[in-house]
Each structure stands twice: as C-alpha cells, then as structure tokens.
N, C-alpha and C. Protein backbone atom coordinates (compact mmCIF):
# COMPACT_ATOMS: atom_id res chain seq x y z
N UNK A 1 96.03 53.26 106.22
CA UNK A 1 96.62 53.19 104.90
C UNK A 1 95.80 52.22 104.05
N UNK A 2 95.64 52.59 102.76
CA UNK A 2 94.91 51.71 101.86
C UNK A 2 95.81 50.55 101.42
N UNK A 3 95.23 49.55 100.82
CA UNK A 3 95.98 48.39 100.33
C UNK A 3 96.35 48.58 98.86
N UNK A 4 97.24 47.72 98.38
CA UNK A 4 97.58 47.73 96.96
C UNK A 4 96.35 47.43 96.10
N UNK A 5 95.50 46.53 96.59
CA UNK A 5 94.28 46.19 95.86
C UNK A 5 93.36 47.40 95.74
N UNK A 6 93.24 48.15 96.83
CA UNK A 6 92.40 49.36 96.82
C UNK A 6 93.00 50.41 95.90
N UNK A 7 94.32 50.56 95.89
CA UNK A 7 94.99 51.52 95.01
C UNK A 7 94.71 51.19 93.55
N UNK A 8 94.77 49.91 93.20
CA UNK A 8 94.48 49.50 91.83
C UNK A 8 93.03 49.81 91.47
N UNK A 9 92.12 49.55 92.39
CA UNK A 9 90.70 49.84 92.17
C UNK A 9 90.47 51.35 91.96
N UNK A 10 91.13 52.17 92.76
CA UNK A 10 91.03 53.62 92.62
C UNK A 10 91.56 54.06 91.26
N UNK A 11 92.69 53.49 90.83
CA UNK A 11 93.26 53.83 89.53
C UNK A 11 92.32 53.46 88.39
N UNK A 12 91.70 52.30 88.49
CA UNK A 12 90.77 51.87 87.45
C UNK A 12 89.57 52.82 87.36
N UNK A 13 89.04 53.22 88.50
CA UNK A 13 87.92 54.18 88.52
C UNK A 13 88.35 55.53 87.95
N UNK A 14 89.58 55.93 88.25
CA UNK A 14 90.12 57.19 87.73
C UNK A 14 90.19 57.15 86.20
N UNK A 15 90.70 56.04 85.65
CA UNK A 15 90.81 55.91 84.20
C UNK A 15 89.42 55.97 83.54
N UNK A 16 88.44 55.37 84.16
CA UNK A 16 87.07 55.41 83.64
C UNK A 16 86.53 56.84 83.74
N UNK A 17 86.73 57.49 84.88
CA UNK A 17 86.25 58.85 85.09
C UNK A 17 86.85 59.80 84.05
N UNK A 18 88.13 59.66 83.77
CA UNK A 18 88.82 60.53 82.83
C UNK A 18 88.66 60.07 81.37
N UNK A 19 87.92 58.98 81.18
CA UNK A 19 87.68 58.42 79.84
C UNK A 19 88.98 58.15 79.09
N UNK A 20 89.95 57.60 79.81
CA UNK A 20 91.23 57.24 79.22
C UNK A 20 91.15 55.85 78.60
N UNK A 21 91.65 55.73 77.41
CA UNK A 21 91.77 54.41 76.80
C UNK A 21 93.09 53.80 77.26
N UNK A 22 93.03 52.54 77.67
CA UNK A 22 94.25 51.87 78.10
C UNK A 22 94.19 50.41 77.67
N UNK A 23 95.37 49.83 77.46
CA UNK A 23 95.45 48.45 76.97
C UNK A 23 95.58 47.45 78.11
N UNK A 24 96.15 47.87 79.23
CA UNK A 24 96.24 46.98 80.40
C UNK A 24 96.45 47.82 81.65
N UNK A 25 96.16 47.18 82.77
CA UNK A 25 96.35 47.79 84.09
C UNK A 25 97.11 46.77 84.92
N UNK A 26 98.14 47.20 85.62
CA UNK A 26 98.97 46.26 86.38
C UNK A 26 98.14 45.49 87.41
N UNK A 27 98.65 44.34 87.78
CA UNK A 27 98.02 43.52 88.80
C UNK A 27 98.25 44.16 90.17
N UNK A 28 97.41 43.84 91.12
CA UNK A 28 97.54 44.42 92.47
C UNK A 28 98.92 44.21 93.06
N UNK A 29 99.49 43.01 92.86
CA UNK A 29 100.82 42.75 93.44
C UNK A 29 101.93 43.52 92.73
N UNK A 30 101.64 44.13 91.58
CA UNK A 30 102.63 44.93 90.86
C UNK A 30 102.55 46.41 91.21
N UNK A 31 101.56 46.79 91.99
CA UNK A 31 101.43 48.19 92.43
C UNK A 31 102.63 48.51 93.32
N UNK A 32 103.31 49.61 93.03
CA UNK A 32 104.51 49.98 93.79
C UNK A 32 104.16 50.89 94.96
N UNK A 33 104.78 50.63 96.10
CA UNK A 33 104.63 51.47 97.28
C UNK A 33 105.91 52.26 97.48
N UNK A 34 105.77 53.57 97.64
CA UNK A 34 106.92 54.45 97.82
C UNK A 34 106.74 55.25 99.11
N UNK A 35 107.44 54.90 100.18
CA UNK A 35 107.33 55.68 101.42
C UNK A 35 108.06 57.02 101.30
N UNK A 36 107.43 58.05 101.81
CA UNK A 36 108.03 59.39 101.87
C UNK A 36 108.57 59.86 100.52
N UNK A 37 107.80 59.63 99.48
CA UNK A 37 108.18 60.04 98.12
C UNK A 37 107.93 61.53 97.94
N UNK A 38 108.88 62.22 97.33
CA UNK A 38 108.68 63.64 97.06
C UNK A 38 107.62 63.80 95.97
N UNK A 39 106.63 64.63 96.23
CA UNK A 39 105.55 64.85 95.29
C UNK A 39 106.00 65.91 94.29
N UNK A 40 105.85 65.60 93.00
CA UNK A 40 106.41 66.43 91.95
C UNK A 40 105.47 67.50 91.43
N UNK A 41 104.15 67.31 91.55
CA UNK A 41 103.19 68.23 90.95
C UNK A 41 101.99 68.44 91.85
N UNK A 42 101.23 69.48 91.56
CA UNK A 42 99.96 69.69 92.22
C UNK A 42 100.07 70.39 93.56
N UNK A 43 98.96 70.36 94.31
CA UNK A 43 98.90 71.12 95.55
C UNK A 43 99.83 70.59 96.64
N UNK A 44 100.32 69.36 96.51
CA UNK A 44 101.26 68.80 97.49
C UNK A 44 102.70 68.84 97.00
N UNK A 45 102.96 69.56 95.92
CA UNK A 45 104.30 69.63 95.34
C UNK A 45 105.33 69.99 96.40
N UNK A 46 106.42 69.23 96.43
CA UNK A 46 107.48 69.47 97.39
C UNK A 46 107.31 68.72 98.71
N UNK A 47 106.10 68.23 98.97
CA UNK A 47 105.85 67.46 100.19
C UNK A 47 106.39 66.05 100.02
N UNK A 48 106.53 65.36 101.13
CA UNK A 48 106.90 63.95 101.09
C UNK A 48 105.74 63.15 101.67
N UNK A 49 105.18 62.27 100.84
CA UNK A 49 104.03 61.46 101.23
C UNK A 49 104.28 60.00 100.90
N UNK A 50 103.60 59.12 101.61
CA UNK A 50 103.60 57.70 101.25
C UNK A 50 102.61 57.55 100.10
N UNK A 51 103.07 56.98 98.99
CA UNK A 51 102.22 56.87 97.80
C UNK A 51 102.30 55.49 97.18
N UNK A 52 101.27 55.19 96.40
CA UNK A 52 101.27 54.03 95.52
C UNK A 52 101.38 54.53 94.09
N UNK A 53 102.06 53.78 93.26
CA UNK A 53 102.16 54.06 91.83
C UNK A 53 101.53 52.89 91.09
N UNK A 54 100.49 53.18 90.31
CA UNK A 54 99.77 52.14 89.57
C UNK A 54 100.04 52.34 88.08
N UNK A 55 100.71 51.38 87.47
CA UNK A 55 101.05 51.46 86.05
C UNK A 55 99.92 50.95 85.17
N UNK A 56 99.81 51.57 83.99
CA UNK A 56 98.89 51.08 82.97
C UNK A 56 99.51 51.35 81.61
N UNK A 57 99.08 50.61 80.61
CA UNK A 57 99.64 50.74 79.28
C UNK A 57 98.66 51.40 78.32
N UNK A 58 99.22 52.16 77.39
CA UNK A 58 98.42 52.76 76.31
C UNK A 58 99.09 52.42 74.98
N UNK A 59 98.29 52.25 73.98
CA UNK A 59 98.81 51.95 72.64
C UNK A 59 99.16 53.26 71.95
N UNK A 60 100.37 53.32 71.42
CA UNK A 60 100.84 54.49 70.70
C UNK A 60 101.50 53.98 69.43
N UNK A 61 100.81 54.09 68.33
CA UNK A 61 101.33 53.53 67.07
C UNK A 61 101.42 52.03 67.16
N UNK A 62 102.62 51.49 66.95
CA UNK A 62 102.84 50.04 67.01
C UNK A 62 103.38 49.58 68.35
N UNK A 63 103.43 50.45 69.32
CA UNK A 63 104.01 50.06 70.61
C UNK A 63 103.06 50.39 71.76
N UNK A 64 103.39 49.82 72.89
CA UNK A 64 102.64 50.11 74.10
C UNK A 64 103.52 50.96 75.02
N UNK A 65 102.96 52.05 75.51
CA UNK A 65 103.70 52.92 76.42
C UNK A 65 103.19 52.74 77.83
N UNK A 66 104.10 52.89 78.77
CA UNK A 66 103.76 52.77 80.18
C UNK A 66 103.46 54.14 80.77
N UNK A 67 102.35 54.24 81.46
CA UNK A 67 101.96 55.45 82.16
C UNK A 67 101.60 55.05 83.58
N UNK A 68 101.48 56.00 84.47
CA UNK A 68 101.13 55.62 85.84
C UNK A 68 100.36 56.72 86.55
N UNK A 69 99.70 56.29 87.61
CA UNK A 69 98.88 57.16 88.44
C UNK A 69 99.47 57.11 89.85
N UNK A 70 99.65 58.27 90.47
CA UNK A 70 100.18 58.37 91.82
C UNK A 70 99.03 58.61 92.78
N UNK A 71 98.94 57.74 93.79
CA UNK A 71 97.82 57.76 94.75
C UNK A 71 98.37 57.90 96.17
N UNK A 72 97.78 58.79 96.93
CA UNK A 72 98.16 58.97 98.33
C UNK A 72 97.82 57.68 99.09
N UNK A 73 98.82 57.06 99.71
CA UNK A 73 98.63 55.78 100.39
C UNK A 73 97.81 55.90 101.67
N UNK A 74 97.77 57.08 102.26
CA UNK A 74 97.01 57.28 103.49
C UNK A 74 95.53 57.54 103.22
N UNK A 75 95.24 58.38 102.23
CA UNK A 75 93.87 58.82 101.98
C UNK A 75 93.20 58.15 100.79
N UNK A 76 94.00 57.62 99.86
CA UNK A 76 93.44 57.05 98.64
C UNK A 76 93.15 58.08 97.57
N UNK A 77 93.57 59.32 97.78
CA UNK A 77 93.34 60.38 96.80
C UNK A 77 94.32 60.23 95.64
N UNK A 78 93.81 60.42 94.41
CA UNK A 78 94.69 60.47 93.24
C UNK A 78 95.38 61.82 93.26
N UNK A 79 96.71 61.81 93.21
CA UNK A 79 97.47 63.04 93.24
C UNK A 79 97.73 63.58 91.84
N UNK A 80 98.19 62.71 90.94
CA UNK A 80 98.42 63.09 89.55
C UNK A 80 98.72 61.85 88.73
N UNK A 81 98.80 62.04 87.41
CA UNK A 81 99.19 60.94 86.54
C UNK A 81 100.34 61.41 85.65
N UNK A 82 101.14 60.43 85.22
CA UNK A 82 102.32 60.71 84.41
C UNK A 82 102.31 59.81 83.18
N UNK A 83 102.92 60.32 82.09
CA UNK A 83 103.15 59.48 80.92
C UNK A 83 104.63 59.58 80.55
N UNK A 84 104.98 59.08 79.39
CA UNK A 84 106.39 59.04 78.98
C UNK A 84 107.00 60.44 78.85
N UNK A 85 106.18 61.45 78.69
CA UNK A 85 106.67 62.82 78.50
C UNK A 85 106.63 63.65 79.76
N UNK A 86 106.02 63.13 80.82
CA UNK A 86 105.97 63.88 82.08
C UNK A 86 104.56 63.93 82.65
N UNK A 87 104.32 64.95 83.42
CA UNK A 87 103.06 65.14 84.13
C UNK A 87 101.91 65.26 83.14
N UNK A 88 100.82 64.57 83.41
CA UNK A 88 99.64 64.65 82.56
C UNK A 88 98.60 65.58 83.17
N UNK A 89 98.18 65.26 84.39
CA UNK A 89 97.19 66.11 85.04
C UNK A 89 97.12 65.80 86.51
N UNK A 90 96.70 66.82 87.23
CA UNK A 90 96.45 66.68 88.66
C UNK A 90 94.97 66.38 88.81
N UNK A 91 94.62 65.56 89.77
CA UNK A 91 93.22 65.29 90.03
C UNK A 91 92.61 66.53 90.66
N UNK A 92 91.50 66.99 90.10
CA UNK A 92 90.83 68.17 90.63
C UNK A 92 90.11 67.81 91.91
N UNK A 93 89.96 68.79 92.80
CA UNK A 93 89.13 68.58 93.99
C UNK A 93 87.68 68.51 93.54
N UNK A 94 86.96 67.54 94.08
CA UNK A 94 85.56 67.38 93.68
C UNK A 94 84.66 67.54 94.87
C-alpha cells in the first residue's frame, strides 16, 4: 500500500499532467484513507477498493471550491476526480 505522502505526490503530478489550475493542495496528513470504499465511476465502478482522497482547491469567482482526486491505495493509480458538481474524469490507461 502507498503512503499518504505518496498519494499527495501522485495527485500533484496528476494536476500538472491534466494542466489543472488549483489554489491549494491538502497537506499529506490531511489526505483521507477510505478502506473498502465503493467506486462510483470508471472501469472499477461498483467495486470496493481501499482508496485515498486528496483534496485541492480551485478559485471560482470570489470563492474557493473543494475538489478531490481518488487514488487506489494499493497500486497508486488515479481512479477519477470529482468537483462540486460530481464526476470530472476518469484517468485514462496510458
């Protein structure tokens, strides 16, 4: 299993890869661990996996919105990202 620090590092690389603008990224100790979480989207939809959730903020008008990236805790793969309105995108196989 990867660490919270590694999950944060993966999320930061993901944001750079996707050219996402963000105002902040949570600290490693703020990364949430969810054992056996039901996966909501993508090729693992309906499965239960151990995942990390890494929050980051984006500026929207005069406020900051919270968004997050879901990462497989066993493999370190990005599963998908979410914003205030729901699913944003699934990470493509590369």
